[in-house]
Amino acid sequence: MLLAYLLRQAGVEAVVLERRDRAYVESRVRAGVLEQIAVDLMARLGLDGRMRREGLMHAGTKLASDGEVFRIDFQALTGSSVMVYGQQEVMADLFDAADAHGVRVVFDAEDVRLNGIDTARPSVTWRKDGVEQRLDCDFIAGCDGAHGASRAAIPPDALKTFERVYPFGWLGVLAEVPPCDHELIYSNHARGFALASMRSLTRSRYYVQCALDERLEDWPDERFWDELCLRLGPEAAARVTRGPSFEKSIAPLRSAVSEPMRHGALFLAGDAAHIVPPTGAKGLNLAASDVIMLSEALVEFYASNSRAGIDGYSARALARVWKAERFSWWFTSLTHRFPGMDGFDRGMQVAELAYIRQSRAAQTMLAENYVGLPLE
């Protein structure tokens, strides 16, 4: 959707195919932290009105080590902030304004197939309300995730994937209760990771690290709140408001990068090309930076018939992707309890957290990566 808006601004026609209906897309519980690049992009598209009114600007975040909390001041260290605004809210804003901006969206597009991606005239076919449809085009942007039709259209020997699967997951709940803090708290505890987050001033999002074979039925709300408060520590726990959860799920964590991000007339973007653990809040933000780069390359092609941008898209995007992957991997390794960790491993985590607390240089590194590295 972001790519379609950017192209339409430049007078390039694009059609968005969505496998599900609008209600399904907007109901999915997804990411909630926008980097400055994503915030600026919404403003550039003229879609930031509701975000400015309802989003929560965060000038920092907090880390906790066995209950002792300290703050990373993004604004002081980098001059930038992040915005807490749910991905489903971003999607609602994009859908609401689509007609006015000339962005065409086809919902419930079933059995999407990519054809001729190695030729100069590729096409996409799909079925809508039982009727087969076809679109001839110049290029195809595969923004349909790791299991979508785009990745499947690339010959296996033309795509290399690097992956790290983490031996734990996040058990998350949503509850209509005020957050325990005005900023996020990432907690490293001997029993495992915990995160205090929010979607608004009245809706909280909390997570605890859990084993991959855990069952939701073994985690009634009372057990979850007890474990969360223990891991956050007494200072934060004293401000936790308990209440019934209305959504509860377990998400596995993994890191993955597929190279290259282009094959012929097909360009991959977002989760179709890379996955990050949610620890660093990079998923949606990486997708946004991908499509900014891709839009620049396509607009350059149509404006001057230059192929430099589209030929260089994969390398340019991957340079930022790998840096975000590094940060997400590092932040996950710093804050989680891994199976088989011994006293030395735990001591290294505690020592690194203590170093970050004492070192402005270390805090700057964390802050620069969290608010988002610049496009290059």
Protein backbone atom coordinates (compact mmCIF):
# COMPACT_ATOMS: atom_id res chain seq x y z
CA MET A 1 0.00 0.00 0.00
CA LEU A 2 2.81 2.41 0.85
CA LEU A 3 4.52 1.61 -2.42
CA ALA A 4 1.31 2.20 -4.39
CA TYR A 5 0.88 5.61 -2.76
CA LEU A 6 4.47 6.60 -3.53
CA LEU A 7 4.13 5.54 -7.16
CA ARG A 8 0.80 7.32 -7.61
CA GLN A 9 2.37 10.53 -6.27
CA ALA A 10 4.85 10.28 -9.14
CA GLY A 11 2.18 9.49 -11.71
CA VAL A 12 3.00 5.77 -11.98
CA GLU A 13 -0.03 3.48 -12.06
CA ALA A 14 -0.10 0.54 -9.68
CA VAL A 15 -2.65 -2.05 -8.55
CA VAL A 16 -2.57 -3.69 -5.10
CA LEU A 17 -3.76 -7.29 -4.82
CA GLU A 18 -4.82 -8.35 -1.31
CA ARG A 19 -5.64 -12.00 -0.62
CA ARG A 20 -7.97 -11.21 2.28
CA ASP A 21 -10.75 -8.70 2.86
CA ARG A 22 -10.23 -5.32 4.48
CA ALA A 23 -11.74 -6.34 7.82
CA TYR A 24 -9.29 -9.22 8.17
CA VAL A 25 -6.26 -7.05 7.42
CA GLU A 26 -7.28 -4.38 9.92
CA SER A 27 -8.10 -6.88 12.68
CA ARG A 28 -4.68 -8.53 12.77
CA VAL A 29 -2.65 -7.63 15.85
CA ARG A 30 0.72 -6.52 14.50
CA ALA A 31 3.62 -4.17 15.19
CA GLY A 32 3.14 -0.99 17.13
CA VAL A 33 6.36 1.09 16.93
CA LEU A 34 7.13 3.33 13.94
CA GLU A 35 10.62 4.64 13.26
CA GLN A 36 11.09 8.26 12.26
CA ILE A 37 11.39 7.17 8.61
CA ALA A 38 7.92 5.57 8.74
CA VAL A 39 6.45 8.60 10.54
CA ASP A 40 7.97 10.92 7.93
CA LEU A 41 6.64 8.71 5.14
CA MET A 42 3.07 8.94 6.46
CA ALA A 43 3.46 12.73 6.54
CA ARG A 44 4.89 12.77 3.01
CA LEU A 45 1.79 10.91 1.83
CA GLY A 46 -0.51 13.30 3.69
CA LEU A 47 -1.81 10.47 5.90
CA ASP A 48 -0.43 11.45 9.28
CA GLY A 49 -3.41 13.38 10.69
CA ARG A 50 -4.91 10.66 12.85
CA MET A 51 -1.48 9.32 13.77
CA ARG A 52 -0.48 12.76 15.10
CA ARG A 53 -3.69 12.95 17.13
CA GLU A 54 -3.85 9.42 18.50
CA GLY A 55 -0.29 8.08 18.32
CA LEU A 56 2.06 8.20 21.28
CA MET A 57 5.42 9.86 20.63
CA HIS A 58 8.19 8.18 22.62
CA ALA A 59 11.44 10.06 23.18
CA GLY A 60 13.08 7.07 24.86
CA THR A 61 12.71 3.52 26.13
CA LYS A 62 13.64 1.67 29.31
CA LEU A 63 15.72 -1.40 30.01
CA ALA A 64 15.48 -3.49 33.15
CA SER A 65 17.98 -5.98 34.50
CA ASP A 66 16.56 -8.17 37.26
CA GLY A 67 14.14 -5.41 38.19
CA GLU A 68 16.53 -2.42 38.08
CA VAL A 69 15.28 0.01 35.43
CA PHE A 70 17.23 2.61 33.47
CA ARG A 71 16.28 4.82 30.53
CA ILE A 72 17.70 5.32 27.02
CA ASP A 73 16.96 8.90 25.93
CA PHE A 74 16.47 8.75 22.16
CA GLN A 75 15.87 12.47 21.79
CA ALA A 76 19.00 13.52 23.67
CA LEU A 77 21.19 10.90 22.00
CA THR A 78 19.97 11.11 18.40
CA GLY A 79 17.52 13.99 18.09
CA SER A 80 14.83 11.53 16.98
CA SER A 81 11.89 9.70 18.52
CA VAL A 82 9.59 6.79 17.68
CA MET A 83 5.82 6.69 17.39
CA VAL A 84 3.62 4.05 19.04
CA TYR A 85 0.84 3.55 16.50
CA GLY A 86 -0.45 0.10 15.61
CA GLN A 87 0.19 -1.36 12.18
CA GLN A 88 -3.53 -2.05 11.83
CA GLU A 89 -4.13 1.69 12.33
CA VAL A 90 -1.65 2.46 9.56
CA MET A 91 -3.52 0.04 7.30
CA ALA A 92 -6.86 1.69 8.15
CA ASP A 93 -5.43 5.10 7.21
CA LEU A 94 -4.08 3.74 3.92
CA PHE A 95 -7.36 2.04 3.01
CA ASP A 96 -9.49 5.05 4.00
CA ALA A 97 -7.63 7.40 1.66
CA ALA A 98 -7.03 4.98 -1.21
CA ASP A 99 -9.86 6.15 -3.48
CA ALA A 100 -9.06 9.84 -2.97
CA HIS A 101 -5.41 9.20 -3.88
CA GLY A 102 -6.18 7.02 -6.88
CA VAL A 103 -4.79 3.86 -5.29
CA ARG A 104 -6.60 0.80 -6.63
CA VAL A 105 -6.94 -2.14 -4.23
CA VAL A 106 -8.41 -5.53 -5.14
CA PHE A 107 -9.51 -7.40 -2.03
CA ASP A 108 -10.19 -11.15 -1.87
CA ALA A 109 -7.81 -11.86 -4.74
CA GLU A 110 -7.52 -15.65 -4.71
CA ASP A 111 -5.05 -17.98 -6.38
CA VAL A 112 -2.60 -15.20 -7.32
CA ARG A 113 -0.03 -16.34 -9.87
CA LEU A 114 3.01 -14.53 -11.31
CA ASN A 115 3.83 -15.17 -14.95
CA GLY A 116 6.78 -14.29 -17.15
CA ILE A 117 8.89 -12.66 -14.44
CA ASP A 118 11.99 -13.39 -16.55
CA THR A 119 10.52 -11.55 -19.54
CA ALA A 120 9.94 -7.92 -20.48
CA ARG A 121 6.15 -8.33 -20.17
CA PRO A 122 5.25 -10.11 -16.96
CA SER A 123 1.66 -10.58 -15.83
CA VAL A 124 -0.32 -11.49 -12.75
CA THR A 125 -3.46 -13.61 -12.73
CA TRP A 126 -5.95 -14.09 -9.91
CA ARG A 127 -9.50 -15.15 -9.24
CA LYS A 128 -12.08 -12.70 -7.87
CA ASP A 129 -15.65 -13.84 -7.12
CA GLY A 130 -14.99 -16.96 -9.14
CA VAL A 131 -13.84 -15.03 -12.22
CA GLU A 132 -10.28 -15.32 -13.55
CA GLN A 133 -8.56 -11.98 -14.08
CA ARG A 134 -5.23 -10.96 -15.61
CA LEU A 135 -3.07 -7.85 -15.40
CA ASP A 136 -0.19 -7.22 -17.79
CA CYS A 137 2.45 -4.97 -16.25
CA ASP A 138 6.04 -3.78 -16.39
CA PHE A 139 7.11 -4.84 -12.90
CA ILE A 140 5.78 -6.81 -9.94
CA ALA A 141 6.43 -5.92 -6.30
CA GLY A 142 6.20 -8.98 -4.07
CA CYS A 143 5.01 -7.60 -0.73
CA ASP A 144 3.08 -10.74 0.24
CA GLY A 145 5.21 -12.22 3.01
CA ALA A 146 7.43 -15.25 3.35
CA HIS A 147 4.73 -17.70 2.25
CA GLY A 148 3.23 -15.64 -0.57
CA ALA A 149 3.12 -16.24 -4.29
CA SER A 150 6.09 -13.96 -5.01
CA ARG A 151 8.82 -15.96 -3.30
CA ALA A 152 7.35 -19.17 -4.70
CA ALA A 153 7.67 -17.77 -8.24
CA ILE A 154 11.46 -17.44 -7.96
CA PRO A 155 13.43 -20.56 -8.94
CA PRO A 156 14.93 -22.13 -5.78
CA ASP A 157 18.45 -21.99 -7.19
CA ALA A 158 18.12 -18.22 -7.75
CA LEU A 159 17.37 -17.35 -4.12
CA LYS A 160 19.57 -17.93 -1.08
CA THR A 161 18.08 -17.65 2.41
CA PHE A 162 20.01 -17.20 5.65
CA GLU A 163 18.06 -18.03 8.79
CA ARG A 164 18.31 -18.16 12.57
CA VAL A 165 15.43 -19.79 14.49
CA TYR A 166 15.25 -18.86 18.17
CA PRO A 167 14.45 -21.59 20.71
CA PHE A 168 11.63 -19.67 22.38
CA GLY A 169 8.58 -17.56 21.65
CA TRP A 170 6.66 -14.57 22.98
CA LEU A 171 3.43 -15.10 24.87
CA GLY A 172 1.52 -11.85 24.37
CA VAL A 173 -1.73 -10.43 25.69
CA LEU A 174 -3.83 -7.38 24.90
CA ALA A 175 -5.91 -5.89 27.71
CA GLU A 176 -8.06 -2.80 28.09
CA VAL A 177 -5.96 -1.42 30.93
CA PRO A 178 -3.66 1.62 31.10
CA PRO A 179 0.04 0.85 30.48
CA CYS A 180 2.33 0.59 33.46
CA ASP A 181 4.72 3.19 32.04
CA HIS A 182 4.60 5.96 29.44
CA GLU A 183 7.44 4.24 27.55
CA LEU A 184 8.27 0.64 26.65
CA ILE A 185 10.19 -1.46 29.18
CA TYR A 186 12.42 -4.29 27.90
CA SER A 187 13.25 -6.53 30.83
CA ASN A 188 16.02 -9.12 31.17
CA HIS A 189 15.24 -11.41 34.10
CA ALA A 190 16.75 -14.69 35.22
CA ARG A 191 13.38 -16.34 34.43
CA GLY A 192 13.27 -14.86 30.93
CA PHE A 193 12.42 -11.77 28.92
CA ALA A 194 9.38 -9.53 29.43
CA LEU A 195 8.12 -6.47 27.57
CA ALA A 196 5.72 -3.81 28.78
CA SER A 197 4.19 -2.06 25.77
CA MET A 198 0.97 -0.35 24.77
CA ARG A 199 -1.33 0.50 21.90
CA SER A 200 -2.91 3.56 23.51
CA LEU A 201 -3.34 5.24 26.88
CA THR A 202 -6.05 2.71 27.71
CA ARG A 203 -4.86 -0.45 25.94
CA SER A 204 -1.75 -2.37 26.99
CA ARG A 205 0.31 -4.98 25.16
CA TYR A 206 2.47 -7.22 27.36
CA TYR A 207 4.76 -10.14 26.55
CA VAL A 208 6.73 -12.80 28.39
CA GLN A 209 9.27 -15.18 26.89
CA CYS A 210 8.03 -18.76 26.83
CA ALA A 211 8.95 -22.17 25.48
CA LEU A 212 7.77 -23.00 21.97
CA ASP A 213 5.75 -25.98 23.23
CA GLU A 214 3.75 -23.94 25.74
CA ARG A 215 -0.05 -24.08 25.44
CA LEU A 216 -2.30 -21.04 25.81
CA GLU A 217 -4.69 -22.97 28.04
CA ASP A 218 -1.85 -23.36 30.56
CA TRP A 219 -1.58 -19.57 30.83
CA PRO A 220 -4.72 -18.19 32.47
CA ASP A 221 -4.64 -14.44 32.98
CA GLU A 222 -3.71 -14.69 36.65
CA ARG A 223 -0.59 -16.75 35.88
CA PHE A 224 0.40 -14.37 33.10
CA TRP A 225 0.10 -11.25 35.28
CA ASP A 226 2.05 -12.89 38.11
CA GLU A 227 4.89 -13.89 35.77
CA LEU A 228 4.95 -10.52 34.02
CA CYS A 229 5.19 -8.60 37.30
CA LEU A 230 7.94 -10.87 38.58
CA ARG A 231 10.06 -10.33 35.46
CA LEU A 232 9.46 -6.58 35.21
CA GLY A 233 10.58 -6.07 38.81
CA PRO A 234 8.91 -4.35 41.75
CA GLU A 235 9.21 -0.78 40.44
CA ALA A 236 7.28 -1.45 37.23
CA ALA A 237 5.06 -4.16 38.72
CA ALA A 238 3.66 -1.70 41.23
CA ARG A 239 2.15 0.24 38.31
CA VAL A 240 0.72 -2.75 36.41
CA THR A 241 -3.08 -2.66 36.18
CA ARG A 242 -4.45 -6.17 35.85
CA GLY A 243 -7.50 -6.97 33.79
CA PRO A 244 -8.99 -9.63 31.52
CA SER A 245 -7.10 -10.19 28.28
CA PHE A 246 -9.09 -10.04 25.05
CA GLU A 247 -6.32 -11.43 22.86
CA LYS A 248 -3.64 -13.96 23.75
CA SER A 249 -1.18 -15.66 21.44
CA ILE A 250 2.27 -17.23 21.21
CA ALA A 251 4.60 -15.99 18.46
CA PRO A 252 7.81 -17.85 17.50
CA LEU A 253 10.92 -15.76 16.84
CA ARG A 254 13.28 -16.03 13.89
CA SER A 255 15.66 -14.00 11.76
CA ALA A 256 15.85 -14.57 8.00
CA VAL A 257 17.23 -12.80 4.95
CA SER A 258 16.74 -13.86 1.32
CA GLU A 259 19.09 -12.66 -1.39
CA PRO A 260 18.79 -11.15 -3.91
CA MET A 261 15.65 -9.04 -3.47
CA ARG A 262 15.09 -8.92 -7.24
CA HIS A 263 14.59 -11.58 -9.88
CA GLY A 264 13.92 -10.26 -13.36
CA ALA A 265 10.81 -8.08 -13.24
CA LEU A 266 9.98 -9.17 -9.67
CA PHE A 267 11.11 -7.18 -6.64
CA LEU A 268 10.74 -8.48 -3.10
CA ALA A 269 9.97 -6.15 -0.20
CA GLY A 270 9.15 -6.57 3.48
CA ASP A 271 8.55 -10.02 4.92
CA ALA A 272 8.79 -11.57 1.47
CA ALA A 273 12.53 -10.88 1.67
CA HIS A 274 13.36 -10.76 5.37
CA ILE A 275 12.03 -11.56 8.85
CA VAL A 276 13.21 -10.04 12.12
CA PRO A 277 12.33 -10.97 15.69
CA PRO A 278 9.98 -8.36 17.19
CA THR A 279 12.52 -7.34 19.83
CA GLY A 280 13.86 -4.43 17.82
CA ALA A 281 10.51 -3.33 16.31
CA LYS A 282 11.92 -3.47 12.77
CA GLY A 283 9.41 -5.49 10.69
CA LEU A 284 7.07 -2.78 9.41
CA ASN A 285 9.85 -0.22 9.44
CA LEU A 286 12.13 -2.30 7.21
CA ALA A 287 9.23 -2.84 4.81
CA ALA A 288 8.71 0.94 4.67
CA SER A 289 12.37 1.60 3.88
CA ASP A 290 12.32 -1.15 1.22
CA VAL A 291 9.45 0.47 -0.65
CA ILE A 292 10.92 3.96 -0.37
CA MET A 293 14.02 2.65 -2.14
CA LEU A 294 11.97 0.65 -4.64
CA SER A 295 9.73 3.60 -5.46
CA GLU A 296 12.76 5.80 -6.09
CA ALA A 297 14.18 3.17 -8.44
CA LEU A 298 10.92 2.74 -10.37
CA VAL A 299 10.23 6.46 -10.62
CA GLU A 300 13.75 6.99 -11.96
CA PHE A 301 13.12 4.29 -14.58
CA TYR A 302 9.89 5.86 -15.80
CA ALA A 303 11.25 9.41 -15.70
CA SER A 304 14.54 8.85 -17.51
CA ASN A 305 14.54 5.24 -18.69
CA SER A 306 17.51 4.64 -16.41
CA ARG A 307 17.88 1.13 -15.01
CA ALA A 308 20.52 2.12 -12.45
CA GLY A 309 18.05 2.29 -9.58
CA ILE A 310 16.23 -0.95 -10.29
CA ASP A 311 19.51 -2.76 -10.94
CA GLY A 312 20.90 -1.48 -7.64
CA TYR A 313 17.73 -1.92 -5.55
CA SER A 314 18.60 -5.29 -4.04
CA ALA A 315 22.09 -4.34 -2.90
CA ARG A 316 20.91 -1.00 -1.52
CA ALA A 317 18.00 -2.49 0.39
CA LEU A 318 20.01 -5.43 1.74
CA ALA A 319 22.66 -3.11 3.19
CA ARG A 320 20.03 -1.64 5.52
CA VAL A 321 18.28 -4.97 6.06
CA TRP A 322 21.41 -6.66 7.41
CA LYS A 323 22.07 -3.79 9.81
CA ALA A 324 18.53 -4.07 11.16
CA GLU A 325 18.91 -7.84 11.40
CA ARG A 326 22.11 -7.36 13.38
CA PHE A 327 20.43 -5.01 15.83
CA SER A 328 17.40 -7.26 16.29
CA TRP A 329 19.64 -10.31 16.82
CA TRP A 330 21.86 -8.42 19.28
CA PHE A 331 18.94 -6.97 21.24
CA THR A 332 17.27 -10.39 21.40
CA SER A 333 20.51 -12.02 22.58
CA LEU A 334 20.94 -9.34 25.22
CA THR A 335 17.47 -9.58 26.74
CA HIS A 336 16.42 -13.24 26.52
CA ARG A 337 17.21 -16.37 28.46
CA PHE A 338 18.55 -19.06 26.09
CA PRO A 339 18.37 -22.81 26.78
CA GLY A 340 21.67 -24.12 28.05
CA MET A 341 22.88 -20.76 29.34
CA ASP A 342 25.28 -21.18 32.24
CA GLY A 343 26.52 -18.75 34.86
CA PHE A 344 29.14 -17.30 32.53
CA ASP A 345 26.59 -16.58 29.80
CA ARG A 346 24.29 -14.93 32.30
CA GLY A 347 27.18 -12.91 33.69
CA MET A 348 27.96 -11.59 30.21
CA GLN A 349 24.39 -10.38 29.76
CA VAL A 350 24.35 -8.63 33.11
CA ALA A 351 27.76 -7.05 32.44
CA GLU A 352 26.69 -5.75 29.02
CA LEU A 353 23.51 -4.24 30.42
CA ALA A 354 25.57 -2.58 33.15
CA TYR A 355 27.95 -1.21 30.52
CA ILE A 356 25.07 0.23 28.49
CA ARG A 357 23.72 1.86 31.62
CA GLN A 358 27.06 3.59 32.29
CA SER A 359 28.22 4.40 28.73
CA ARG A 360 26.76 7.21 26.64
CA ALA A 361 28.48 5.74 23.58
CA ALA A 362 26.76 2.36 24.11
CA GLN A 363 23.42 4.07 24.66
CA THR A 364 23.90 6.09 21.46
CA MET A 365 24.51 2.90 19.48
CA LEU A 366 21.30 1.40 20.84
CA ALA A 367 19.30 4.58 20.29
CA GLU A 368 20.55 5.11 16.72
CA ASN A 369 19.49 1.61 15.74
CA TYR A 370 16.18 1.71 17.59
CA VAL A 371 14.93 4.97 16.06
CA GLY A 372 16.15 3.76 12.66
CA LEU A 373 19.33 4.15 10.68
CA PRO A 374 19.20 6.62 7.77
CA LEU A 375 18.57 5.53 4.22
CA GLU A 376 21.76 5.32 2.21
